[in-house]
Every structure is written in structure tokens, then in C-alpha cells.
């Protein structure tokens, strides 16, 4: 075979097709998610399989924004959401390839790219009991120091044996030192929890 001849073998003719899915940087993802309405749209589409009517999406987004039900929405509440979704938010999500938006038919559907946004849309409806327990733990420490300090100071003032030998300034110093130490420990624990996440 000469240098000018080309090979027409089917194995060499196959060229990988470029991906049609647009690439989004993390900044692009955060930019698209910066408005609550876009997050609500993606949340709605995630919860409802297949294509959805734009009107239904707008109604549910309006209900979430107004902390009410779809049935209790006023016409103004619906319209305040419908127009920006129609003119701005859905076209933007469509342009970036996150949804397919047929504006003339009013149909919206998630694309595969929308899956990249799911982890940012996870919202826990229930409070984290472990976080509440930790907060109560620190409150208990501070309350204990306050009660102990008040009892010691009362004992010094009343001249109770064993405590009356302590000067009031020493009791105040002990309380301030204890609060400072507990605060420093709490700050360190919080920092360790943040870095471990």
C-alpha cells in the first residue's frame, strides 16, 4: 500500500462521536442553583418522573415560596412565579442542557445532566437529632458552670463554712476561667467536625 492510499477498513473508520452533553463547571452549577426558583424547578422534576407541564411546575414552586398548598394559591401568587419561569429560569436551564423546555407546548423534562444537581437539592425535612443533642450538651455545661458559680458566690456572701474563706474575686475568676475553657473546647470540637466533613 502506498503512502497516498488510505485504508477503508471498518475498524479504522470508526471515530468516537463527541459527547453532546454539555460540560458544566462547579461554578456553573452553583450559578444555576443560586436562585431558589431554579432549585425548586429541579426539585419538582426530580420528584415527578417524565415530562411535566410548566403550569404545574409554576404552581408548585409558588406554593413552596408562599409556604402554602397549590389549592390555596391566589392568582397573583401563581402569576408572580409563572412569568419569570417562562421568560427566564426555564430558558436558562434549557440553554445549559439541564432540562429540555418546549416553550410552545409548555413541557419541561429533566436531562441526564440534571443528575449532577441532585446532591445539592437534598433537603432533610427532619432536624438532625445528633446536632440537637450536641447543642444541648454544651448548654448543660454552661448552665452547670453558672449554677455552681452562683452557689459558690452565695456561700461566700452568706459566710458558709468552707467557702467563706474564698474571696469573691477568686470565685468570679474561677467562673470566668471555667466558661473560657468550655468555650475553647467547644470551638475546637466544632472546628474538627467541620474539617472532617
C-alpha atoms as a PDB file:
ATOM      1  CA  UNK A   1       0.000   0.000   0.000  1.00  0.00           C
ATOM      2  CA  UNK A   2       1.461   3.374  -0.973  1.00  0.00           C
ATOM      3  CA  UNK A   3       1.604   6.467   1.210  1.00  0.00           C
ATOM      4  CA  UNK A   4      -1.228   8.062  -0.783  1.00  0.00           C
ATOM      5  CA  UNK A   5      -3.576   5.127  -0.379  1.00  0.00           C
ATOM      6  CA  UNK A   6      -5.992   5.121   2.503  1.00  0.00           C
ATOM      7  CA  UNK A   7      -7.332   2.223   4.388  1.00  0.00           C
ATOM      8  CA  UNK A   8     -11.096   1.749   4.336  1.00  0.00           C
ATOM      9  CA  UNK A   9     -11.229  -0.951   6.943  1.00  0.00           C
ATOM     10  CA  UNK A  10     -14.407  -0.546   9.017  1.00  0.00           C
ATOM     11  CA  UNK A  11     -12.451  -0.837  12.267  1.00  0.00           C
ATOM     12  CA  UNK A  12     -10.371   2.227  11.421  1.00  0.00           C
ATOM     13  CA  UNK A  13     -13.296   4.268  10.117  1.00  0.00           C
ATOM     14  CA  UNK A  14     -14.978   4.366  13.500  1.00  0.00           C
ATOM     15  CA  UNK A  15     -14.366   7.703  15.131  1.00  0.00           C
ATOM     16  CA  UNK A  16     -15.768   8.249  18.598  1.00  0.00           C
ATOM     17  CA  UNK A  17     -18.619  10.703  18.465  1.00  0.00           C
ATOM     18  CA  UNK A  18     -18.223  13.766  20.640  1.00  0.00           C
ATOM     19  CA  UNK A  19     -20.411  13.922  23.701  1.00  0.00           C
ATOM     20  CA  UNK A  20     -23.497  16.031  23.143  1.00  0.00           C
ATOM     21  CA  UNK A  21     -23.934  16.554  26.885  1.00  0.00           C
ATOM     22  CA  UNK A  22     -22.582  19.985  27.817  1.00  0.00           C
ATOM     23  CA  UNK A  23     -19.928  20.162  30.477  1.00  0.00           C
ATOM     24  CA  UNK A  24     -20.667  22.343  33.485  1.00  0.00           C
ATOM     25  CA  UNK A  25     -18.031  23.556  35.886  1.00  0.00           C
ATOM     26  CA  UNK A  26     -18.765  23.675  39.595  1.00  0.00           C
ATOM     27  CA  UNK A  27     -19.112  27.467  39.255  1.00  0.00           C
ATOM     28  CA  UNK A  28     -21.721  26.957  36.516  1.00  0.00           C
ATOM     29  CA  UNK A  29     -23.638  24.539  38.740  1.00  0.00           C
ATOM     30  CA  UNK A  30     -23.618  26.980  41.651  1.00  0.00           C
ATOM     31  CA  UNK A  31     -24.592  29.859  39.364  1.00  0.00           C
ATOM     32  CA  UNK A  32     -27.599  27.930  38.094  1.00  0.00           C
ATOM     33  CA  UNK A  33     -28.594  26.970  41.637  1.00  0.00           C
ATOM     34  CA  UNK A  34     -28.207  30.451  43.103  1.00  0.00           C
ATOM     35  CA  UNK A  35     -31.878  31.280  42.563  1.00  0.00           C
ATOM     36  CA  UNK A  36     -34.398  29.395  44.687  1.00  0.00           C
ATOM     37  CA  UNK A  37     -36.838  29.116  41.776  1.00  0.00           C
ATOM     38  CA  UNK A  38     -34.391  27.099  39.689  1.00  0.00           C
ATOM     39  CA  UNK A  39     -33.705  24.853  42.657  1.00  0.00           C
ATOM     40  CA  UNK A  40     -37.445  24.387  43.131  1.00  0.00           C
ATOM     41  CA  UNK A  41     -37.880  23.514  39.439  1.00  0.00           C
ATOM     42  CA  UNK A  42     -35.151  20.868  39.627  1.00  0.00           C
ATOM     43  CA  UNK A  43     -36.588  19.536  42.873  1.00  0.00           C
ATOM     44  CA  UNK A  44     -40.049  19.267  41.305  1.00  0.00           C
ATOM     45  CA  UNK A  45     -38.708  17.487  38.221  1.00  0.00           C
ATOM     46  CA  UNK A  46     -36.715  15.090  40.386  1.00  0.00           C
ATOM     47  CA  UNK A  47     -39.829  14.174  42.371  1.00  0.00           C
ATOM     48  CA  UNK A  48     -42.014  13.724  39.261  1.00  0.00           C
ATOM     49  CA  UNK A  49     -40.896  11.246  36.621  1.00  0.00           C
ATOM     50  CA  UNK A  50     -41.071  12.187  32.959  1.00  0.00           C
ATOM     51  CA  UNK A  51     -42.226  15.384  31.282  1.00  0.00           C
ATOM     52  CA  UNK A  52     -44.145  17.930  33.331  1.00  0.00           C
ATOM     53  CA  UNK A  53     -46.392  20.794  32.386  1.00  0.00           C
ATOM     54  CA  UNK A  54     -44.855  24.180  33.006  1.00  0.00           C
ATOM     55  CA  UNK A  55     -48.101  25.374  34.628  1.00  0.00           C
ATOM     56  CA  UNK A  56     -47.934  22.573  37.224  1.00  0.00           C
ATOM     57  CA  UNK A  57     -44.315  23.363  37.991  1.00  0.00           C
ATOM     58  CA  UNK A  58     -45.087  27.077  38.404  1.00  0.00           C
ATOM     59  CA  UNK A  59     -47.977  26.314  40.756  1.00  0.00           C
ATOM     60  CA  UNK A  60     -45.898  24.034  42.967  1.00  0.00           C
ATOM     61  CA  UNK A  61     -42.975  26.487  43.044  1.00  0.00           C
ATOM     62  CA  UNK A  62     -45.402  29.263  44.030  1.00  0.00           C
ATOM     63  CA  UNK A  63     -46.822  27.053  46.787  1.00  0.00           C
ATOM     64  CA  UNK A  64     -43.330  26.336  48.158  1.00  0.00           C
ATOM     65  CA  UNK A  65     -42.390  30.018  48.011  1.00  0.00           C
ATOM     66  CA  UNK A  66     -45.563  31.076  49.816  1.00  0.00           C
ATOM     67  CA  UNK A  67     -45.495  28.167  52.273  1.00  0.00           C
ATOM     68  CA  UNK A  68     -48.966  27.031  51.286  1.00  0.00           C
ATOM     69  CA  UNK A  69     -50.721  24.453  49.139  1.00  0.00           C
ATOM     70  CA  UNK A  70     -51.390  24.693  45.416  1.00  0.00           C
ATOM     71  CA  UNK A  71     -55.134  24.834  46.118  1.00  0.00           C
ATOM     72  CA  UNK A  72     -54.703  27.838  48.450  1.00  0.00           C
ATOM     73  CA  UNK A  73     -52.662  29.928  45.974  1.00  0.00           C
ATOM     74  CA  UNK A  74     -54.045  33.219  44.702  1.00  0.00           C
ATOM     75  CA  UNK A  75     -53.914  34.176  41.045  1.00  0.00           C
ATOM     76  CA  UNK A  76     -51.274  36.847  41.797  1.00  0.00           C
ATOM     77  CA  UNK A  77     -49.042  34.336  43.596  1.00  0.00           C
ATOM     78  CA  UNK A  78     -49.225  31.996  40.611  1.00  0.00           C
ATOM     79  CA  UNK A  79     -48.508  34.746  38.101  1.00  0.00           C
ATOM     80  CA  UNK A  80     -45.540  36.147  40.076  1.00  0.00           C
ATOM     81  CA  UNK A  81     -43.831  32.775  39.612  1.00  0.00           C
ATOM     82  CA  UNK A  82     -45.148  31.748  36.181  1.00  0.00           C
ATOM     83  CA  UNK A  83     -43.819  34.761  34.254  1.00  0.00           C
ATOM     84  CA  UNK A  84     -40.168  34.599  35.474  1.00  0.00           C
ATOM     85  CA  UNK A  85     -40.107  30.831  34.968  1.00  0.00           C
ATOM     86  CA  UNK A  86     -41.479  31.216  31.425  1.00  0.00           C
ATOM     87  CA  UNK A  87     -39.235  34.121  30.418  1.00  0.00           C
ATOM     88  CA  UNK A  88     -36.019  33.490  32.301  1.00  0.00           C
ATOM     89  CA  UNK A  89     -35.419  30.472  34.513  1.00  0.00           C
ATOM     90  CA  UNK A  90     -36.611  27.618  32.288  1.00  0.00           C
ATOM     91  CA  UNK A  91     -34.930  29.022  29.147  1.00  0.00           C
ATOM     92  CA  UNK A  92     -31.679  29.354  31.133  1.00  0.00           C
ATOM     93  CA  UNK A  93     -31.866  25.756  32.378  1.00  0.00           C
ATOM     94  CA  UNK A  94     -32.699  24.627  28.817  1.00  0.00           C
ATOM     95  CA  UNK A  95     -29.801  26.628  27.347  1.00  0.00           C
ATOM     96  CA  UNK A  96     -27.372  24.950  29.769  1.00  0.00           C
ATOM     97  CA  UNK A  97     -28.760  21.499  28.915  1.00  0.00           C
ATOM     98  CA  UNK A  98     -30.138  20.778  32.387  1.00  0.00           C
ATOM     99  CA  UNK A  99     -33.739  20.500  31.176  1.00  0.00           C
ATOM    100  CA  UNK A 100     -35.491  20.224  27.846  1.00  0.00           C
ATOM    101  CA  UNK A 101     -38.035  23.034  27.687  1.00  0.00           C
ATOM    102  CA  UNK A 102     -40.559  23.150  24.872  1.00  0.00           C
ATOM    103  CA  UNK A 103     -41.806  26.695  25.405  1.00  0.00           C
ATOM    104  CA  UNK A 104     -44.544  26.498  22.760  1.00  0.00           C
ATOM    105  CA  UNK A 105     -46.081  23.356  24.314  1.00  0.00           C
ATOM    106  CA  UNK A 106     -45.258  24.272  27.917  1.00  0.00           C
ATOM    107  CA  UNK A 107     -43.490  20.961  28.584  1.00  0.00           C
ATOM    108  CA  UNK A 108     -40.374  20.567  30.728  1.00  0.00           C
ATOM    109  CA  UNK A 109     -38.276  17.433  31.204  1.00  0.00           C
ATOM    110  CA  UNK A 110     -35.072  16.646  33.072  1.00  0.00           C
ATOM    111  CA  UNK A 111     -31.967  15.656  31.163  1.00  0.00           C
ATOM    112  CA  UNK A 112     -29.163  13.378  32.328  1.00  0.00           C
ATOM    113  CA  UNK A 113     -27.161  16.485  33.216  1.00  0.00           C
ATOM    114  CA  UNK A 114     -29.764  17.352  35.889  1.00  0.00           C
ATOM    115  CA  UNK A 115     -28.486  14.401  37.922  1.00  0.00           C
ATOM    116  CA  UNK A 116     -25.370  16.448  38.734  1.00  0.00           C
ATOM    117  CA  UNK A 117     -27.571  18.849  40.680  1.00  0.00           C
ATOM    118  CA  UNK A 118     -29.334  16.261  42.828  1.00  0.00           C
ATOM    119  CA  UNK A 119     -26.842  16.216  45.673  1.00  0.00           C
ATOM    120  CA  UNK A 120     -27.287  19.973  46.115  1.00  0.00           C
ATOM    121  CA  UNK A 121     -31.070  19.617  46.247  1.00  0.00           C
ATOM    122  CA  UNK A 122     -31.182  17.083  49.077  1.00  0.00           C
ATOM    123  CA  UNK A 123     -33.082  18.689  51.908  1.00  0.00           C
ATOM    124  CA  UNK A 124     -33.689  16.960  55.170  1.00  0.00           C
ATOM    125  CA  UNK A 125     -37.154  17.743  56.450  1.00  0.00           C
ATOM    126  CA  UNK A 126     -36.352  16.376  59.896  1.00  0.00           C
ATOM    127  CA  UNK A 127     -33.906  18.128  62.221  1.00  0.00           C
ATOM    128  CA  UNK A 128     -30.685  16.318  62.909  1.00  0.00           C
ATOM    129  CA  UNK A 129     -31.135  14.878  66.399  1.00  0.00           C
ATOM    130  CA  UNK A 130     -27.396  14.390  66.846  1.00  0.00           C
ATOM    131  CA  UNK A 131     -26.763  18.120  66.289  1.00  0.00           C
ATOM    132  CA  UNK A 132     -29.534  18.974  68.755  1.00  0.00           C
ATOM    133  CA  UNK A 133     -28.015  16.634  71.361  1.00  0.00           C
ATOM    134  CA  UNK A 134     -24.586  18.251  70.964  1.00  0.00           C
ATOM    135  CA  UNK A 135     -26.082  21.748  71.308  1.00  0.00           C
ATOM    136  CA  UNK A 136     -27.929  20.705  74.469  1.00  0.00           C
ATOM    137  CA  UNK A 137     -24.716  19.156  75.799  1.00  0.00           C
ATOM    138  CA  UNK A 138     -22.888  22.498  75.604  1.00  0.00           C
ATOM    139  CA  UNK A 139     -25.874  24.360  77.066  1.00  0.00           C
ATOM    140  CA  UNK A 140     -25.772  21.961  80.002  1.00  0.00           C
ATOM    141  CA  UNK A 141     -22.088  22.674  80.617  1.00  0.00           C
ATOM    142  CA  UNK A 142     -22.649  26.428  80.606  1.00  0.00           C
ATOM    143  CA  UNK A 143     -25.692  26.119  82.856  1.00  0.00           C
ATOM    144  CA  UNK A 144     -23.731  23.915  85.282  1.00  0.00           C
ATOM    145  CA  UNK A 145     -20.889  26.452  85.489  1.00  0.00           C
ATOM    146  CA  UNK A 146     -23.376  29.282  86.064  1.00  0.00           C
ATOM    147  CA  UNK A 147     -25.250  27.422  88.821  1.00  0.00           C
ATOM    148  CA  UNK A 148     -22.023  26.323  90.531  1.00  0.00           C
ATOM    149  CA  UNK A 149     -20.657  29.873  90.356  1.00  0.00           C
ATOM    150  CA  UNK A 150     -23.868  31.333  91.771  1.00  0.00           C
ATOM    151  CA  UNK A 151     -23.864  28.787  94.650  1.00  0.00           C
ATOM    152  CA  UNK A 152     -20.212  29.486  95.455  1.00  0.00           C
ATOM    153  CA  UNK A 153     -20.747  33.233  95.379  1.00  0.00           C
ATOM    154  CA  UNK A 154     -23.856  32.912  97.574  1.00  0.00           C
ATOM    155  CA  UNK A 155     -21.935  30.717 100.010  1.00  0.00           C
ATOM    156  CA  UNK A 156     -19.086  33.258 100.239  1.00  0.00           C
ATOM    157  CA  UNK A 157     -21.561  36.126 100.757  1.00  0.00           C
ATOM    158  CA  UNK A 158     -23.568  34.191 103.382  1.00  0.00           C
ATOM    159  CA  UNK A 159     -20.396  33.136 105.224  1.00  0.00           C
ATOM    160  CA  UNK A 160     -20.941  29.383 104.858  1.00  0.00           C
ATOM    161  CA  UNK A 161     -18.139  27.348 106.414  1.00  0.00           C
ATOM    162  CA  UNK A 162     -15.609  26.005 103.915  1.00  0.00           C
ATOM    163  CA  UNK A 163     -16.497  28.528 101.220  1.00  0.00           C
ATOM    164  CA  UNK A 164     -16.370  31.755 103.189  1.00  0.00           C
ATOM    165  CA  UNK A 165     -12.569  31.543 103.173  1.00  0.00           C
ATOM    166  CA  UNK A 166     -12.603  32.208  99.417  1.00  0.00           C
ATOM    167  CA  UNK A 167     -12.582  35.842  98.394  1.00  0.00           C
ATOM    168  CA  UNK A 168     -15.449  36.781  95.988  1.00  0.00           C
ATOM    169  CA  UNK A 169     -12.909  37.813  93.333  1.00  0.00           C
ATOM    170  CA  UNK A 170     -11.469  34.277  93.358  1.00  0.00           C
ATOM    171  CA  UNK A 171     -14.940  32.780  92.822  1.00  0.00           C
ATOM    172  CA  UNK A 172     -15.504  35.189  89.913  1.00  0.00           C
ATOM    173  CA  UNK A 173     -12.118  34.243  88.461  1.00  0.00           C
ATOM    174  CA  UNK A 174     -12.943  30.518  88.718  1.00  0.00           C
ATOM    175  CA  UNK A 175     -16.264  31.008  86.924  1.00  0.00           C
ATOM    176  CA  UNK A 176     -14.685  33.087  84.131  1.00  0.00           C
ATOM    177  CA  UNK A 177     -11.882  30.528  83.734  1.00  0.00           C
ATOM    178  CA  UNK A 178     -14.343  27.626  83.575  1.00  0.00           C
ATOM    179  CA  UNK A 179     -16.515  29.395  80.952  1.00  0.00           C
ATOM    180  CA  UNK A 180     -13.420  30.226  78.904  1.00  0.00           C
ATOM    181  CA  UNK A 181     -12.164  26.624  78.975  1.00  0.00           C
ATOM    182  CA  UNK A 182     -15.556  25.187  77.978  1.00  0.00           C
ATOM    183  CA  UNK A 183     -15.827  27.748  75.157  1.00  0.00           C
ATOM    184  CA  UNK A 184     -12.359  26.860  73.833  1.00  0.00           C
ATOM    185  CA  UNK A 185     -13.157  23.150  73.908  1.00  0.00           C
ATOM    186  CA  UNK A 186     -16.473  23.772  72.130  1.00  0.00           C
ATOM    187  CA  UNK A 187     -14.728  25.815  69.420  1.00  0.00           C
ATOM    188  CA  UNK A 188     -12.122  23.094  68.900  1.00  0.00           C
ATOM    189  CA  UNK A 189     -14.751  20.348  68.628  1.00  0.00           C
ATOM    190  CA  UNK A 190     -16.756  22.430  66.131  1.00  0.00           C
ATOM    191  CA  UNK A 191     -13.633  23.060  64.013  1.00  0.00           C
ATOM    192  CA  UNK A 192     -12.769  19.339  63.990  1.00  0.00           C
ATOM    193  CA  UNK A 193     -16.316  18.480  62.903  1.00  0.00           C
ATOM    194  CA  UNK A 194     -16.143  20.993  60.042  1.00  0.00           C
ATOM    195  CA  UNK A 195     -12.810  19.685  58.773  1.00  0.00           C
ATOM    196  CA  UNK A 196     -13.944  16.060  58.951  1.00  0.00           C
ATOM    197  CA  UNK A 197     -16.938  16.729  56.666  1.00  0.00           C
END
